[in-house]
Amino acid sequence: MKQTYQLADIKQISEAIISYIVKPKTLLFYGDMGVGKTTLIKEIAKQLGVTDATSSPTFSLVNEYQGNNSKVFHFDFYRIETEEEVYDIGIEDYFYQNAWCLVEWPNKIPNLIPQDAIFIQLNENLDGSRSIEITTSESNN
């Protein structure tokens, strides 16, 4: 899936992502600082039934929410220096419990990414719109 959108279209984009993916998965969000990763993740969490206020877990590494049918974990690995820091929070337990795992800065943990993860690349275009491209690990090989 590849699409261009405006920030005002974020609800429709998040709905499209959820319908495209269908069941809980690990979604990896790639993109420059300020491109809208956290904004998109907040809207996806809302669409999954999260009613709590959501925020980026920059300092705690992970926030846990209850959605309609499963847990939703929001990770932000921007500040980590080594993959060992992620082992300390029990990353494997999160990734393999049939929950939605929404991961910002997955490039910091390349050796820990589940094989069935979904890759979401966000880019800001010159006109202020965003481009989103969603691929699977199979299409990245």
Protein backbone atom coordinates (compact mmCIF):
# COMPACT_ATOMS: atom_id res chain seq x y z
CA MET A 1 0.00 0.00 0.00
CA LYS A 2 1.39 3.39 -0.98
CA GLN A 3 -0.49 6.64 -0.59
CA THR A 4 -0.11 10.40 -0.19
CA TYR A 5 -2.22 12.20 2.41
CA GLN A 6 -2.66 15.44 4.32
CA LEU A 7 -2.57 15.54 8.13
CA ALA A 8 -6.31 16.28 8.06
CA ASP A 9 -6.76 12.79 6.52
CA ILE A 10 -5.05 10.98 9.42
CA LYS A 11 -8.25 9.24 10.57
CA GLN A 12 -8.87 7.72 7.13
CA ILE A 13 -5.23 6.66 6.83
CA SER A 14 -5.31 4.93 10.24
CA GLU A 15 -8.56 3.16 9.33
CA ALA A 16 -6.99 2.00 6.05
CA ILE A 17 -3.94 0.65 7.89
CA ILE A 18 -6.07 -1.31 10.35
CA SER A 19 -8.29 -2.75 7.63
CA TYR A 20 -5.20 -3.61 5.56
CA ILE A 21 -3.56 -5.47 8.43
CA VAL A 22 -6.69 -6.98 10.06
CA LYS A 23 -5.24 -8.71 13.15
CA PRO A 24 -2.78 -7.58 15.85
CA LYS A 25 0.71 -7.20 14.48
CA THR A 26 3.97 -5.41 15.05
CA LEU A 27 3.97 -2.19 13.04
CA LEU A 28 7.33 -0.50 12.53
CA PHE A 29 7.21 3.24 11.86
CA TYR A 30 10.16 4.70 9.95
CA GLY A 31 10.61 8.36 9.11
CA ASP A 32 12.43 11.52 10.04
CA MET A 33 11.79 13.44 13.24
CA GLY A 34 8.58 15.44 12.92
CA VAL A 35 7.13 13.49 9.99
CA GLY A 36 4.07 12.41 12.02
CA LYS A 37 4.87 8.95 13.39
CA THR A 38 3.47 9.68 16.86
CA THR A 39 0.42 11.47 15.43
CA LEU A 40 -0.39 8.47 13.24
CA ILE A 41 0.19 6.01 16.09
CA LYS A 42 -2.15 7.98 18.37
CA GLU A 43 -4.89 7.82 15.74
CA ILE A 44 -4.33 4.10 15.12
CA ALA A 45 -4.60 3.49 18.88
CA LYS A 46 -7.86 5.46 18.93
CA GLN A 47 -9.21 3.39 16.03
CA LEU A 48 -8.28 0.22 17.93
CA GLY A 49 -10.50 1.34 20.80
CA VAL A 50 -7.97 2.97 23.12
CA THR A 51 -9.81 5.61 25.15
CA ASP A 52 -6.93 6.62 27.44
CA ALA A 53 -4.89 9.68 26.59
CA THR A 54 -1.96 8.49 24.50
CA SER A 55 1.51 9.96 24.45
CA SER A 56 4.90 9.04 23.12
CA PRO A 57 6.87 6.85 25.55
CA THR A 58 10.17 8.57 24.77
CA PHE A 59 11.50 8.17 28.30
CA SER A 60 9.65 5.05 29.46
CA LEU A 61 10.22 3.20 26.13
CA VAL A 62 6.74 1.63 26.17
CA ASN A 63 3.18 2.65 27.00
CA GLU A 64 0.48 0.01 27.39
CA TYR A 65 -3.17 0.59 26.51
CA GLN A 66 -6.29 -1.55 26.36
CA GLY A 67 -8.02 -1.57 22.99
CA ASN A 68 -11.37 -3.09 22.02
CA ASN A 69 -10.09 -6.61 21.43
CA SER A 70 -6.45 -6.60 22.45
CA LYS A 71 -3.71 -4.70 24.16
CA VAL A 72 -1.89 -1.94 22.31
CA PHE A 73 1.78 -1.26 23.07
CA HIS A 74 3.42 1.94 21.85
CA PHE A 75 7.22 1.85 21.80
CA ASP A 76 9.62 4.73 21.21
CA PHE A 77 13.25 3.67 20.90
CA TYR A 78 14.64 7.07 19.90
CA ARG A 79 16.74 7.45 23.06
CA ILE A 80 18.17 3.94 23.33
CA GLU A 81 21.87 3.43 22.74
CA THR A 82 22.02 -0.40 22.53
CA GLU A 83 19.64 -3.27 21.88
CA GLU A 84 20.42 -4.57 25.39
CA GLU A 85 18.35 -1.71 26.81
CA VAL A 86 15.32 -3.13 25.03
CA TYR A 87 15.99 -6.62 26.39
CA ASP A 88 15.72 -5.08 29.87
CA ILE A 89 12.04 -4.25 29.28
CA GLY A 90 11.31 -7.80 28.06
CA ILE A 91 10.75 -6.94 24.41
CA GLU A 92 10.15 -10.55 23.37
CA ASP A 93 7.21 -10.80 25.77
CA TYR A 94 5.59 -7.79 24.13
CA PHE A 95 6.20 -8.83 20.53
CA TYR A 96 4.85 -12.37 20.91
CA GLN A 97 1.59 -12.00 22.86
CA ASN A 98 -0.87 -11.31 20.02
CA ALA A 99 -1.11 -7.58 20.78
CA TRP A 100 -0.70 -4.52 18.60
CA CYS A 101 2.91 -3.32 18.91
CA LEU A 102 3.41 0.13 17.40
CA VAL A 103 7.13 0.88 17.23
CA GLU A 104 8.81 4.24 16.62
CA TRP A 105 12.52 4.21 15.69
CA PRO A 106 12.74 0.44 14.97
CA ASN A 107 16.04 1.11 13.19
CA LYS A 108 17.56 1.15 16.71
CA ILE A 109 16.68 -2.56 17.20
CA PRO A 110 17.29 -4.21 13.80
CA ASN A 111 18.17 -7.61 15.27
CA LEU A 112 15.03 -7.83 17.41
CA ILE A 113 12.33 -7.18 14.83
CA PRO A 114 9.79 -10.02 14.46
CA GLN A 115 9.78 -11.72 11.06
CA ASP A 116 6.10 -10.95 10.46
CA ALA A 117 6.42 -7.22 11.19
CA ILE A 118 4.79 -4.61 8.97
CA PHE A 119 7.05 -1.79 7.74
CA ILE A 120 5.54 1.70 7.53
CA GLN A 121 7.68 4.38 5.91
CA LEU A 122 6.53 7.99 6.34
CA ASN A 123 7.95 10.91 4.39
CA GLU A 124 7.05 14.58 4.28
CA ASN A 125 6.63 15.99 0.80
CA LEU A 126 7.59 19.50 -0.31
CA ASP A 127 3.94 20.61 -0.30
CA GLY A 128 3.49 19.53 3.35
CA SER A 129 1.59 16.35 2.50
CA ARG A 130 2.86 12.99 3.71
CA SER A 131 3.62 9.81 1.81
CA ILE A 132 3.08 6.46 3.44
CA GLU A 133 4.28 3.11 2.15
CA ILE A 134 3.37 -0.13 3.90
CA THR A 135 5.28 -3.31 3.18
CA THR A 136 5.75 -6.70 4.81
CA SER A 137 8.98 -8.49 5.62
CA GLU A 138 8.34 -10.76 2.62
CA SER A 139 8.27 -7.78 0.25
CA ASN A 140 11.45 -6.37 1.83
CA ASN A 141 13.47 -9.52 1.08
